[in-house]
């Protein structure tokens, strides 16, 4: 679980959010939270969260959904008869995801505007500014699954396969319908799934030809039989060229289910990420970072690095004495936030030392680092950069910091 840490103290989790119920607030997705059963040593309430395993067809789940519908309509009776986005009245599979779709946010614009004395346009502008999802990111959140990327290197078509999912076609329309229609104007896309009749059905969502601003969904199958629940989901994209496909494949492959989602790709994909509006500005870093979220911290970027990234960073430092921005983040993390996930950095360092055939010699009162030619390498903790500081602290810890 991603923790919120400030100066070494754990304050909460980035996966959980406060449950707002006042009309002037934007309500998030319902979560399985308990704020009354547990307290800390000083008697302060402690939030407890757990996953849900209620059946969508069960009476208990249906009763909870109806309660949430009633609460939404009580807060804004003018929305009576307006379809309610499914993520405002249902808990996700994990029971712990607070994010909502743009449709769910748009449903609340009228209520928030009335409660705050604002225009609906101003409220929508704030929502647009902080909308963190794109249609692919929302699908990942909806299914708690990352897609497999299927494509031919010489082609221009790509399919993103969510293999282990089951859903109603309405789920796709409610959660990503309008976004999918916007994407389709630039990159033609189709959704595929397997029906209960064991045939493949196709779903397309496009903007209305009459320029009404509405999205129109069309479903078809070879047999023409009614389509109920579907399993597996393929998102088929027709891309402009093979280079675009290479960039997109790299970004999708780098996605994670952490919240907030931060991905890491090589610098050659930076312009593509920037054009998509996903770039996290990180001047001086070795890698390019991207996210659906507008505000990402250096700690979150650091957490997104895999062992392979860390080995590349240590390789660039030991072989070429490069010290990119990631080592600044790492030193801050080491000094202020403690030992969390430092082990992988040390293991990556030791693997690179072995790869480069460096030797580390320790005695009771001294240490030495020798390169592959048995020449002594010199490092300066006081005057050196952050990479040197972390390097020396990991290999030769001599105090509590």
Protein backbone atom coordinates (compact mmCIF):
# COMPACT_ATOMS: atom_id res chain seq x y z
CA UNK A 1 0.00 0.00 0.00
CA UNK A 2 1.27 3.49 -0.87
CA UNK A 3 1.80 5.47 2.33
CA UNK A 4 1.59 9.22 2.92
CA UNK A 5 4.82 10.02 4.78
CA UNK A 6 5.96 13.42 6.03
CA UNK A 7 9.30 13.72 7.84
CA UNK A 8 9.29 10.05 8.74
CA UNK A 9 5.70 9.90 10.08
CA UNK A 10 2.99 7.84 8.36
CA UNK A 11 -0.23 9.85 8.00
CA UNK A 12 -2.34 7.66 5.76
CA UNK A 13 -2.56 6.00 2.37
CA UNK A 14 -2.77 7.45 -1.13
CA UNK A 15 -5.22 4.66 -1.98
CA UNK A 16 -7.92 5.94 0.38
CA UNK A 17 -9.84 9.20 0.52
CA UNK A 18 -12.25 11.02 2.78
CA UNK A 19 -15.90 10.20 2.09
CA UNK A 20 -17.59 13.54 1.37
CA UNK A 21 -21.36 13.84 1.88
CA UNK A 22 -22.00 17.60 1.94
CA UNK A 23 -23.71 19.02 -1.17
CA UNK A 24 -20.92 21.54 -1.86
CA UNK A 25 -18.32 18.78 -2.16
CA UNK A 26 -17.50 16.42 -5.03
CA UNK A 27 -18.40 12.92 -3.85
CA UNK A 28 -15.96 10.12 -4.61
CA UNK A 29 -16.65 6.47 -5.22
CA UNK A 30 -18.13 4.61 -2.23
CA UNK A 31 -15.51 2.68 -0.24
CA UNK A 32 -15.58 0.09 2.52
CA UNK A 33 -14.47 2.29 5.42
CA UNK A 34 -15.00 2.13 9.18
CA UNK A 35 -14.36 5.33 11.14
CA UNK A 36 -15.93 4.33 14.48
CA UNK A 37 -14.62 0.93 15.57
CA UNK A 38 -10.94 1.68 16.19
CA UNK A 39 -8.90 4.38 17.93
CA UNK A 40 -5.20 5.05 18.41
CA UNK A 41 -3.37 5.18 21.75
CA UNK A 42 -4.62 8.72 22.34
CA UNK A 43 -8.25 7.86 21.62
CA UNK A 44 -8.38 9.45 18.17
CA UNK A 45 -10.48 7.66 15.53
CA UNK A 46 -8.50 5.42 13.17
CA UNK A 47 -9.82 4.64 9.71
CA UNK A 48 -10.09 0.94 8.91
CA UNK A 49 -10.57 -0.19 5.31
CA UNK A 50 -11.19 -3.56 3.72
CA UNK A 51 -12.03 -5.18 0.40
CA UNK A 52 -15.64 -6.02 -0.46
CA UNK A 53 -16.85 -9.41 -1.65
CA UNK A 54 -20.56 -8.69 -1.94
CA UNK A 55 -22.27 -10.25 -4.95
CA UNK A 56 -23.61 -7.76 -7.52
CA UNK A 57 -26.79 -9.87 -7.63
CA UNK A 58 -27.18 -10.11 -3.84
CA UNK A 59 -29.95 -8.43 -1.83
CA UNK A 60 -27.46 -6.72 0.48
CA UNK A 61 -25.59 -5.11 -2.44
CA UNK A 62 -28.84 -4.03 -4.12
CA UNK A 63 -29.98 -2.41 -0.88
CA UNK A 64 -26.69 -0.50 -0.57
CA UNK A 65 -26.93 0.69 -4.17
CA UNK A 66 -30.47 1.94 -3.55
CA UNK A 67 -29.32 3.81 -0.43
CA UNK A 68 -26.66 5.57 -2.47
CA UNK A 69 -29.14 6.43 -5.21
CA UNK A 70 -31.53 7.87 -2.61
CA UNK A 71 -28.70 9.95 -1.08
CA UNK A 72 -27.73 11.40 -4.46
CA UNK A 73 -31.32 12.34 -5.30
CA UNK A 74 -31.94 13.77 -1.85
CA UNK A 75 -28.90 16.01 -2.29
CA UNK A 76 -30.10 17.14 -5.75
CA UNK A 77 -33.76 16.30 -6.54
CA UNK A 78 -33.44 18.01 -9.94
CA UNK A 79 -31.44 14.99 -11.16
CA UNK A 80 -34.47 12.69 -10.88
CA UNK A 81 -34.68 10.70 -14.10
CA UNK A 82 -31.06 11.39 -15.10
CA UNK A 83 -29.00 8.17 -15.41
CA UNK A 84 -26.59 7.86 -12.48
CA UNK A 85 -23.04 6.74 -13.39
CA UNK A 86 -22.41 3.30 -11.94
CA UNK A 87 -19.25 4.32 -10.05
CA UNK A 88 -21.25 6.71 -7.83
CA UNK A 89 -23.36 3.90 -6.38
CA UNK A 90 -21.10 0.84 -6.45
CA UNK A 91 -17.89 -0.08 -4.66
CA UNK A 92 -14.96 -1.29 -6.78
CA UNK A 93 -13.78 -4.89 -6.56
CA UNK A 94 -11.15 -4.00 -3.97
CA UNK A 95 -13.57 -1.77 -2.07
CA UNK A 96 -10.85 0.85 -1.64
CA UNK A 97 -10.75 2.98 -4.80
CA UNK A 98 -12.06 6.56 -4.37
CA UNK A 99 -11.56 7.76 -7.97
CA UNK A 100 -14.58 8.46 -10.17
CA UNK A 101 -15.11 8.85 -13.89
CA UNK A 102 -15.56 12.25 -15.59
CA UNK A 103 -19.23 11.28 -16.11
CA UNK A 104 -19.66 10.77 -12.37
CA UNK A 105 -18.10 14.19 -11.72
CA UNK A 106 -20.30 15.84 -14.38
CA UNK A 107 -23.39 14.35 -12.71
CA UNK A 108 -22.59 16.44 -9.60
CA UNK A 109 -21.91 19.78 -11.30
CA UNK A 110 -25.44 21.17 -10.85
CA UNK A 111 -25.57 20.29 -7.13
CA UNK A 112 -22.13 21.76 -6.37
CA UNK A 113 -22.87 24.94 -8.34
CA UNK A 114 -26.14 25.46 -6.45
CA UNK A 115 -24.57 24.81 -3.04
CA UNK A 116 -21.61 27.13 -3.65
CA UNK A 117 -23.38 29.86 -5.58
CA UNK A 118 -21.18 29.29 -8.62
CA UNK A 119 -22.00 28.89 -12.29
CA UNK A 120 -22.03 25.35 -13.66
CA UNK A 121 -19.40 26.41 -16.20
CA UNK A 122 -17.01 27.45 -13.41
CA UNK A 123 -17.53 24.20 -11.52
CA UNK A 124 -16.96 22.16 -14.69
CA UNK A 125 -13.78 24.14 -15.39
CA UNK A 126 -12.39 23.13 -11.99
CA UNK A 127 -13.31 19.51 -12.64
CA UNK A 128 -11.67 19.62 -16.07
CA UNK A 129 -8.49 21.03 -14.53
CA UNK A 130 -8.22 18.17 -12.06
CA UNK A 131 -9.58 15.35 -14.20
CA UNK A 132 -6.92 12.70 -13.73
CA UNK A 133 -8.10 9.86 -15.89
CA UNK A 134 -7.94 9.06 -19.57
CA UNK A 135 -10.15 6.33 -20.88
CA UNK A 136 -7.42 3.68 -20.61
CA UNK A 137 -6.55 4.68 -17.04
CA UNK A 138 -10.22 4.50 -16.05
CA UNK A 139 -10.53 1.01 -17.55
CA UNK A 140 -7.54 -0.11 -15.49
CA UNK A 141 -9.19 1.30 -12.36
CA UNK A 142 -12.55 -0.24 -13.26
CA UNK A 143 -11.14 -3.74 -13.68
CA UNK A 144 -8.14 -3.54 -11.31
CA UNK A 145 -6.11 -5.03 -14.15
CA UNK A 146 -3.41 -3.87 -16.55
CA UNK A 147 -3.82 -4.78 -20.22
CA UNK A 148 -1.64 -7.02 -22.32
CA UNK A 149 -0.36 -5.15 -25.40
CA UNK A 150 -0.89 -7.06 -28.65
CA UNK A 151 0.57 -5.72 -31.91
CA UNK A 152 2.82 -6.49 -34.86
CA UNK A 153 5.97 -4.32 -34.98
CA UNK A 154 5.49 -3.53 -38.66
CA UNK A 155 1.77 -2.78 -38.34
CA UNK A 156 -0.30 0.21 -37.19
CA UNK A 157 -3.04 -1.58 -35.22
CA UNK A 158 -2.90 -2.40 -31.53
CA UNK A 159 -5.20 -4.29 -29.18
CA UNK A 160 -5.09 -3.81 -25.42
CA UNK A 161 -6.41 -7.00 -23.83
CA UNK A 162 -7.99 -7.08 -20.37
CA UNK A 163 -8.13 -10.85 -20.08
CA UNK A 164 -9.59 -11.67 -16.65
CA UNK A 165 -12.62 -9.40 -16.53
CA UNK A 166 -16.40 -9.76 -16.73
CA UNK A 167 -18.76 -6.83 -17.26
CA UNK A 168 -21.96 -5.52 -18.78
CA UNK A 169 -21.64 -3.41 -21.90
CA UNK A 170 -23.30 -0.62 -19.92
CA UNK A 171 -20.27 -0.53 -17.59
CA UNK A 172 -18.04 0.50 -20.49
CA UNK A 173 -20.51 3.07 -21.79
CA UNK A 174 -21.07 4.64 -18.36
CA UNK A 175 -17.42 4.78 -17.32
CA UNK A 176 -15.58 5.72 -20.52
CA UNK A 177 -18.26 6.40 -23.11
CA UNK A 178 -17.72 10.12 -23.64
CA UNK A 179 -13.93 9.83 -23.42
CA UNK A 180 -13.89 6.93 -25.87
CA UNK A 181 -15.99 8.97 -28.30
CA UNK A 182 -13.51 11.85 -28.05
CA UNK A 183 -10.57 9.49 -28.63
CA UNK A 184 -12.36 7.91 -31.60
CA UNK A 185 -12.34 11.26 -33.41
CA UNK A 186 -8.54 11.06 -33.57
CA UNK A 187 -7.75 7.35 -33.14
CA UNK A 188 -10.51 5.00 -34.35
CA UNK A 189 -11.19 2.44 -31.61
CA UNK A 190 -13.47 -0.51 -31.01
CA UNK A 191 -14.22 -2.63 -27.96
CA UNK A 192 -14.49 -6.41 -28.22
CA UNK A 193 -15.65 -9.03 -25.74
CA UNK A 194 -16.93 -12.59 -25.54
CA UNK A 195 -20.66 -13.00 -24.89
CA UNK A 196 -22.45 -15.71 -22.91
CA UNK A 197 -23.19 -17.31 -26.30
CA UNK A 198 -19.44 -17.74 -26.86
CA UNK A 199 -19.22 -15.31 -29.74
CA UNK A 200 -17.35 -12.05 -30.08
CA UNK A 201 -19.36 -8.85 -29.86
CA UNK A 202 -18.18 -5.40 -30.95
CA UNK A 203 -18.95 -2.10 -29.21
CA UNK A 204 -18.24 1.27 -30.84
CA UNK A 205 -18.80 4.65 -29.20
CA UNK A 206 -18.71 7.69 -31.46
CA UNK A 207 -19.87 11.29 -31.38
CA UNK A 208 -23.33 11.91 -32.87
CA UNK A 209 -23.18 12.89 -36.55
CA UNK A 210 -25.67 15.68 -35.86
CA UNK A 211 -23.10 17.59 -33.75
CA UNK A 212 -25.32 17.34 -30.69
CA UNK A 213 -22.30 16.74 -28.47
CA UNK A 214 -23.68 13.36 -27.42
CA UNK A 215 -21.94 10.00 -27.75
CA UNK A 216 -23.72 7.17 -29.55
CA UNK A 217 -22.97 3.53 -28.69
CA UNK A 218 -23.52 0.69 -31.16
CA UNK A 219 -23.26 -3.01 -30.34
CA UNK A 220 -23.23 -5.82 -32.84
CA UNK A 221 -22.52 -9.53 -33.12
CA UNK A 222 -22.59 -11.97 -36.02
CA UNK A 223 -25.69 -13.81 -34.77
CA UNK A 224 -27.58 -10.70 -33.74
CA UNK A 225 -28.54 -12.29 -30.43
CA UNK A 226 -29.01 -10.06 -27.36
CA UNK A 227 -25.76 -9.36 -25.55
CA UNK A 228 -25.73 -9.80 -21.79
CA UNK A 229 -22.64 -10.17 -19.66
CA UNK A 230 -19.35 -10.22 -21.51
CA UNK A 231 -15.95 -11.56 -20.55
CA UNK A 232 -12.48 -10.33 -21.51
CA UNK A 233 -12.16 -6.93 -23.13
CA UNK A 234 -10.13 -5.97 -26.17
CA UNK A 235 -9.62 -2.29 -26.95
CA UNK A 236 -8.61 -2.11 -30.62
CA UNK A 237 -6.87 1.07 -31.82
CA UNK A 238 -5.97 2.10 -35.37
CA UNK A 239 -2.83 4.23 -35.05
CA UNK A 240 -1.27 6.73 -37.46
CA UNK A 241 2.05 4.92 -37.93
CA UNK A 242 4.43 2.36 -36.44
CA UNK A 243 6.38 5.02 -34.51
CA UNK A 244 3.23 6.16 -32.74
CA UNK A 245 2.52 2.54 -31.93
CA UNK A 246 6.01 2.08 -30.46
CA UNK A 247 5.53 5.08 -28.18
CA UNK A 248 2.06 3.98 -27.06
CA UNK A 249 3.19 0.40 -26.43
CA UNK A 250 6.03 1.68 -24.22
CA UNK A 251 3.66 3.88 -22.20
CA UNK A 252 1.02 1.18 -21.71
CA UNK A 253 3.66 -1.38 -20.74
CA UNK A 254 5.00 1.04 -18.11
CA UNK A 255 1.61 1.59 -16.48
CA UNK A 256 1.01 0.41 -12.92
CA UNK A 257 -2.02 -0.06 -10.68
CA UNK A 258 -0.50 2.08 -7.93
CA UNK A 259 -2.48 5.16 -7.01
CA UNK A 260 -1.61 7.72 -8.15
CA UNK A 261 -0.37 5.93 -11.22
CA UNK A 262 3.15 6.98 -12.26
CA UNK A 263 4.92 5.34 -15.18
CA UNK A 264 8.56 5.42 -16.27
CA UNK A 265 9.82 5.28 -19.86
CA UNK A 266 13.04 6.18 -21.64
CA UNK A 267 13.72 9.74 -22.74
CA UNK A 268 13.01 8.91 -26.39
CA UNK A 269 9.29 8.76 -25.54
CA UNK A 270 9.20 12.15 -23.78
CA UNK A 271 7.69 14.18 -26.61
CA UNK A 272 4.96 11.60 -27.12
CA UNK A 273 4.13 11.63 -23.40
CA UNK A 274 4.10 15.44 -23.45
CA UNK A 275 1.79 15.54 -26.48
CA UNK A 276 -0.60 13.24 -24.59
CA UNK A 277 -0.69 15.67 -21.69
CA UNK A 278 0.78 13.12 -19.28
CA UNK A 279 4.33 14.42 -18.77
CA UNK A 280 5.56 14.91 -15.21
CA UNK A 281 8.20 17.69 -15.41
CA UNK A 282 11.47 16.33 -14.00
CA UNK A 283 14.36 18.43 -15.29
CA UNK A 284 17.69 16.62 -15.09
CA UNK A 285 16.26 13.13 -14.61
CA UNK A 286 17.54 10.08 -16.47
CA UNK A 287 14.03 8.86 -17.31
CA UNK A 288 10.73 10.34 -18.44
CA UNK A 289 7.83 10.11 -15.98
CA UNK A 290 4.14 10.25 -16.81
CA UNK A 291 0.87 10.18 -14.90
CA UNK A 292 -2.86 10.84 -15.26
CA UNK A 293 -2.54 13.00 -12.13
CA UNK A 294 -1.64 16.71 -12.28
CA UNK A 295 0.55 16.89 -9.18
CA UNK A 296 3.15 14.16 -8.66
CA UNK A 297 5.90 14.31 -6.03
CA UNK A 298 9.51 13.23 -6.44
CA UNK A 299 8.87 10.43 -3.92
CA UNK A 300 6.12 9.06 -6.16
CA UNK A 301 8.45 9.15 -9.18
CA UNK A 302 11.13 7.41 -7.14
CA UNK A 303 8.69 4.71 -6.06
CA UNK A 304 7.76 4.05 -9.72
CA UNK A 305 11.31 2.97 -10.63
CA UNK A 306 11.84 -0.77 -11.08
CA UNK A 307 15.00 -2.72 -10.32
CA UNK A 308 16.11 -2.43 -13.97
CA UNK A 309 15.84 1.37 -13.80
CA UNK A 310 17.88 1.44 -10.62
CA UNK A 311 20.58 -0.72 -12.15
CA UNK A 312 20.79 1.66 -15.12
CA UNK A 313 21.19 4.59 -12.74
CA UNK A 314 23.96 2.90 -10.75
CA UNK A 315 25.66 1.87 -13.99
CA UNK A 316 25.69 5.46 -15.24
CA UNK A 317 27.13 6.64 -11.92
CA UNK A 318 29.87 4.04 -11.53
CA UNK A 319 30.89 3.81 -15.18
CA UNK A 320 30.44 7.45 -16.22
CA UNK A 321 30.10 9.33 -12.92
CA UNK A 322 26.71 10.70 -14.00
CA UNK A 323 24.41 11.83 -11.19
CA UNK A 324 20.92 12.48 -12.60
CA UNK A 325 18.04 13.97 -10.62
CA UNK A 326 16.87 10.58 -9.36
CA UNK A 327 19.82 10.47 -6.95
CA UNK A 328 18.77 13.84 -5.49
CA UNK A 329 15.34 12.36 -4.81
CA UNK A 330 16.91 9.22 -3.36
CA UNK A 331 19.14 11.15 -0.97
CA UNK A 332 16.17 13.23 0.25
CA UNK A 333 14.22 10.02 0.76
CA UNK A 334 17.13 8.38 2.58
CA UNK A 335 17.66 11.32 4.88
CA UNK A 336 14.06 12.34 5.66
CA UNK A 337 11.88 9.28 5.15
CA UNK A 338 13.99 6.37 6.38
CA UNK A 339 14.49 2.84 5.12
CA UNK A 340 11.36 2.23 3.04
CA UNK A 341 12.30 0.35 -0.21
CA UNK A 342 16.06 1.06 0.16
CA UNK A 343 16.85 -2.66 -0.07
CA UNK A 344 16.13 -2.80 -3.81
CA UNK A 345 18.47 0.14 -4.38
CA UNK A 346 21.26 -1.65 -2.51
CA UNK A 347 20.66 -4.95 -4.30
CA UNK A 348 20.69 -3.15 -7.66
CA UNK A 349 23.96 -1.45 -6.66
CA UNK A 350 25.62 -4.72 -5.69
CA UNK A 351 24.56 -6.35 -8.98
CA UNK A 352 26.09 -3.47 -10.96
CA UNK A 353 29.29 -3.63 -8.91
CA UNK A 354 29.53 -7.32 -9.79
CA UNK A 355 28.73 -6.66 -13.46
CA UNK A 356 31.47 -4.01 -13.67
CA UNK A 357 33.85 -6.25 -11.68
CA UNK A 358 34.34 -3.66 -8.98
CA UNK A 359 35.65 -4.84 -5.62
CA UNK A 360 34.68 -3.51 -2.22
CA UNK A 361 37.23 -3.98 0.56
CA UNK A 362 36.46 -3.26 4.21
CA UNK A 363 38.64 -3.30 7.27
CA UNK A 364 37.85 -2.29 10.83
CA UNK A 365 38.95 1.28 10.24
CA UNK A 366 38.81 1.84 6.48
CA UNK A 367 37.28 0.81 3.17
CA UNK A 368 38.25 0.84 -0.49
CA UNK A 369 36.46 0.52 -3.81
CA UNK A 370 38.54 -0.88 -6.68
CA UNK A 371 37.53 -0.84 -10.33
CA UNK A 372 37.98 -3.72 -12.79
CA UNK A 373 41.66 -2.73 -13.22
CA UNK A 374 42.23 -2.76 -9.44
CA UNK A 375 42.55 1.02 -9.38
CA UNK A 376 41.14 2.70 -6.31
CA UNK A 377 38.03 4.82 -6.85
CA UNK A 378 37.70 8.00 -4.80
CA UNK A 379 34.39 9.26 -3.43
CA UNK A 380 33.82 12.37 -1.31
CA UNK A 381 30.82 12.32 1.02
CA UNK A 382 31.16 15.98 2.04
CA UNK A 383 31.78 17.54 -1.38
CA UNK A 384 30.33 14.91 -3.67
CA UNK A 385 26.88 14.75 -5.19
CA UNK A 386 23.84 12.88 -3.94
CA UNK A 387 24.76 9.69 -5.80
CA UNK A 388 28.07 9.56 -3.92
CA UNK A 389 26.34 10.14 -0.59
CA UNK A 390 23.83 7.33 -1.10
CA UNK A 391 26.50 5.03 -2.53
CA UNK A 392 28.69 5.45 0.54
CA UNK A 393 25.81 5.20 3.00
CA UNK A 394 24.50 1.97 1.47
CA UNK A 395 27.90 0.25 1.37
CA UNK A 396 29.51 1.76 4.46
CA UNK A 397 26.88 2.90 6.99
CA UNK A 398 28.72 4.45 9.92
CA UNK A 399 25.96 6.31 11.81
CA UNK A 400 22.23 6.27 12.41
CA UNK A 401 21.51 8.57 9.44
